[in-house]
Amino acid sequence: MPSILQRYATPLTIGLFLVSLVSGLALFFHIWPGVFHGMHELVGLFLIVPFGLHIWRNWRPLANYLAKPAFSATIAACLVAAVGVGRVSSIGGGRHGPSQFALLEALTASTPAKLAPALGTDAETLVAALRAHGFVTAVVDAPLTEIAANSGKDNGDLASALAAAVSP
């Protein structure tokens, strides 16, 4: 068994890294995020095992690296860069991610009375449609997020109910 692990630790690390690289680039450039997001997360988790096997397999050469100042400096630089990128990407606050989620959050922060005209209906009709979809606490002047939470539902349920309310 150890020879099988030793034989496949490095190829698995390389293969999963390449998949992670491709999916990460696709996410960065917003190419098929629905396909690549889950893949990228899972591959990142799967990469832990072959990475550990690779470290175990190559422990002696790695121990030589650990003793050199260049290794510590490189790891420190990577950590500083990661913190810097995290801080820069959070500038401006707010939610980051697909724009349709930001739009849904903005819509669901509104009340049926404010949103109904934009959907081409009146508040009472919108409230009736929400109630028909299980939003039992729907009223015209409460934020949709509050209505959903009090009805045991989420923004995805709200999106479906709103789409059904305005569909012919």
Protein backbone atom coordinates (compact mmCIF):
# COMPACT_ATOMS: atom_id res chain seq x y z
CA MET A 1 0.00 0.00 0.00
CA PRO A 2 2.72 2.59 0.79
CA SER A 3 4.24 2.13 -2.68
CA ILE A 4 0.86 2.88 -4.29
CA LEU A 5 0.53 6.00 -2.14
CA GLN A 6 4.08 7.05 -2.92
CA ARG A 7 3.56 6.40 -6.64
CA TYR A 8 0.40 8.54 -6.86
CA ALA A 9 0.97 11.32 -4.31
CA THR A 10 2.80 13.67 -6.69
CA PRO A 11 0.67 12.97 -9.82
CA LEU A 12 -2.53 13.46 -7.78
CA THR A 13 -1.19 16.71 -6.36
CA ILE A 14 -0.28 17.96 -9.84
CA GLY A 15 -3.54 16.80 -11.43
CA LEU A 16 -5.79 18.31 -8.79
CA PHE A 17 -3.71 21.48 -8.75
CA LEU A 18 -4.21 21.84 -12.52
CA VAL A 19 -7.97 21.37 -12.16
CA SER A 20 -7.94 23.93 -9.34
CA LEU A 21 -5.89 26.29 -11.51
CA VAL A 22 -8.28 26.05 -14.45
CA SER A 23 -11.41 26.38 -12.30
CA GLY A 24 -9.85 29.30 -10.37
CA LEU A 25 -9.04 31.13 -13.60
CA ALA A 26 -12.54 30.46 -14.92
CA LEU A 27 -14.02 31.90 -11.72
CA PHE A 28 -11.74 34.93 -11.88
CA PHE A 29 -12.85 35.66 -15.44
CA HIS A 30 -16.52 34.83 -14.65
CA ILE A 31 -16.67 31.91 -17.08
CA TRP A 32 -19.42 29.45 -16.17
CA PRO A 33 -19.34 30.24 -12.44
CA GLY A 34 -22.23 27.87 -11.79
CA VAL A 35 -20.11 24.99 -13.10
CA PHE A 36 -16.74 25.97 -11.71
CA HIS A 37 -17.61 27.27 -8.22
CA GLY A 38 -18.56 23.96 -6.64
CA MET A 39 -15.84 22.13 -8.56
CA HIS A 40 -13.19 24.57 -7.34
CA GLU A 41 -14.27 24.21 -3.71
CA LEU A 42 -14.39 20.42 -3.78
CA VAL A 43 -11.11 20.06 -5.65
CA GLY A 44 -9.53 22.32 -3.04
CA LEU A 45 -10.74 19.94 -0.34
CA PHE A 46 -9.65 16.85 -2.28
CA LEU A 47 -6.23 18.43 -2.77
CA ILE A 48 -5.53 18.22 0.97
CA VAL A 49 -5.00 14.45 0.94
CA PRO A 50 -2.53 14.20 -1.97
CA PHE A 51 -0.76 17.31 -0.68
CA GLY A 52 -0.27 15.57 2.67
CA LEU A 53 0.91 12.41 0.90
CA HIS A 54 3.29 14.48 -1.22
CA ILE A 55 4.72 16.14 1.91
CA TRP A 56 5.09 12.73 3.57
CA ARG A 57 6.74 11.25 0.46
CA ASN A 58 9.18 14.15 0.10
CA TRP A 59 9.79 14.92 3.77
CA ARG A 60 13.61 14.82 3.69
CA PRO A 61 14.02 17.31 0.82
CA LEU A 62 11.32 19.49 2.40
CA ALA A 63 13.14 19.43 5.75
CA ASN A 64 16.20 20.81 3.95
CA TYR A 65 14.07 23.66 2.58
CA LEU A 66 12.61 24.38 6.01
CA ALA A 67 16.08 25.04 7.40
CA LYS A 68 16.84 27.74 4.82
CA PRO A 69 15.90 31.41 5.32
CA ALA A 70 14.52 31.61 1.77
CA PHE A 71 11.73 29.20 2.71
CA SER A 72 10.62 31.26 5.72
CA ALA A 73 10.84 34.49 3.72
CA THR A 74 8.78 33.03 0.89
CA ILE A 75 6.07 31.73 3.22
CA ALA A 76 5.97 35.08 5.03
CA ALA A 77 5.67 36.92 1.69
CA CYS A 78 2.82 34.63 0.64
CA LEU A 79 0.95 35.30 3.88
CA VAL A 80 1.45 39.06 3.59
CA ALA A 81 0.26 38.94 -0.04
CA ALA A 82 -2.81 36.91 0.92
CA VAL A 83 -3.74 39.37 3.67
CA GLY A 84 -3.12 42.30 1.31
CA VAL A 85 -5.27 40.83 -1.45
CA GLY A 86 -8.00 40.08 1.06
CA ARG A 87 -7.98 43.64 2.35
CA VAL A 88 -7.91 45.21 -1.13
CA SER A 89 -10.71 42.99 -2.39
CA SER A 90 -12.89 43.99 0.57
CA ILE A 91 -12.53 47.74 -0.07
CA GLY A 92 -15.88 49.29 -0.78
CA GLY A 93 -17.69 46.89 1.50
CA GLY A 94 -20.87 45.25 0.44
CA ARG A 95 -21.42 41.85 -1.00
CA HIS A 96 -19.04 40.42 -3.54
CA GLY A 97 -20.14 37.82 -6.01
CA PRO A 98 -22.43 37.46 -8.97
CA SER A 99 -24.41 40.61 -9.74
CA GLN A 100 -27.71 38.72 -9.86
CA PHE A 101 -27.31 37.90 -6.16
CA ALA A 102 -26.66 41.56 -5.34
CA LEU A 103 -29.75 42.50 -7.36
CA LEU A 104 -31.85 39.88 -5.55
CA GLU A 105 -30.63 41.19 -2.18
CA ALA A 106 -31.59 44.74 -3.16
CA LEU A 107 -35.04 43.62 -4.33
CA THR A 108 -35.74 41.50 -1.25
CA ALA A 109 -34.74 44.34 1.08
CA SER A 110 -37.77 46.20 -0.27
CA THR A 111 -41.39 45.85 0.77
CA PRO A 112 -44.20 44.50 -1.42
CA ALA A 113 -45.69 48.02 -1.52
CA LYS A 114 -42.47 49.47 -2.98
CA LEU A 115 -41.61 46.54 -5.25
CA ALA A 116 -45.05 45.79 -6.72
CA PRO A 117 -45.13 48.72 -9.21
CA ALA A 118 -41.74 47.67 -10.62
CA LEU A 119 -43.16 44.18 -11.15
CA GLY A 120 -46.23 45.53 -12.90
CA THR A 121 -48.71 44.68 -10.16
CA ASP A 122 -50.16 46.17 -6.99
CA ALA A 123 -49.08 45.45 -3.42
CA GLU A 124 -52.18 43.46 -2.46
CA THR A 125 -51.85 41.15 -5.48
CA LEU A 126 -48.16 40.62 -4.72
CA VAL A 127 -48.92 39.82 -1.07
CA ALA A 128 -51.62 37.36 -2.16
CA ALA A 129 -49.14 35.66 -4.52
CA LEU A 130 -46.54 35.45 -1.76
CA ARG A 131 -49.09 33.91 0.62
CA ALA A 132 -50.06 31.41 -2.08
CA HIS A 133 -46.40 30.35 -2.16
CA GLY A 134 -46.23 29.77 1.60
CA PHE A 135 -45.13 33.21 2.81
CA VAL A 136 -47.79 33.20 5.51
CA THR A 137 -46.56 36.40 7.18
CA ALA A 138 -46.69 38.49 3.98
CA VAL A 139 -47.97 42.05 4.47
CA VAL A 140 -47.61 45.10 2.23
CA ASP A 141 -45.28 47.13 4.46
CA ALA A 142 -42.75 44.54 5.75
CA PRO A 143 -39.40 43.93 4.04
CA LEU A 144 -39.46 40.79 1.91
CA THR A 145 -36.46 39.36 3.77
CA GLU A 146 -38.36 39.68 7.03
CA ILE A 147 -41.45 38.08 5.48
CA ALA A 148 -39.31 35.18 4.24
CA ALA A 149 -37.53 34.68 7.58
CA ASN A 150 -40.80 34.77 9.51
CA SER A 151 -42.26 32.24 7.05
CA GLY A 152 -39.27 29.89 7.33
CA LYS A 153 -38.08 30.58 3.79
CA ASP A 154 -35.01 32.11 2.12
CA ASN A 155 -34.14 34.45 -0.77
CA GLY A 156 -34.21 31.57 -3.25
CA ASP A 157 -37.81 30.86 -2.26
CA LEU A 158 -38.57 34.57 -2.57
CA ALA A 159 -37.07 34.72 -6.05
CA SER A 160 -39.23 31.79 -7.17
CA ALA A 161 -42.37 33.29 -5.67
CA LEU A 162 -41.70 36.72 -7.17
CA ALA A 163 -41.03 35.19 -10.60
CA ALA A 164 -44.28 33.22 -10.36
CA ALA A 165 -46.16 36.35 -9.27
CA VAL A 166 -45.18 38.27 -12.39
CA SER A 167 -45.34 35.41 -14.90
CA PRO A 168 -48.37 35.37 -17.18
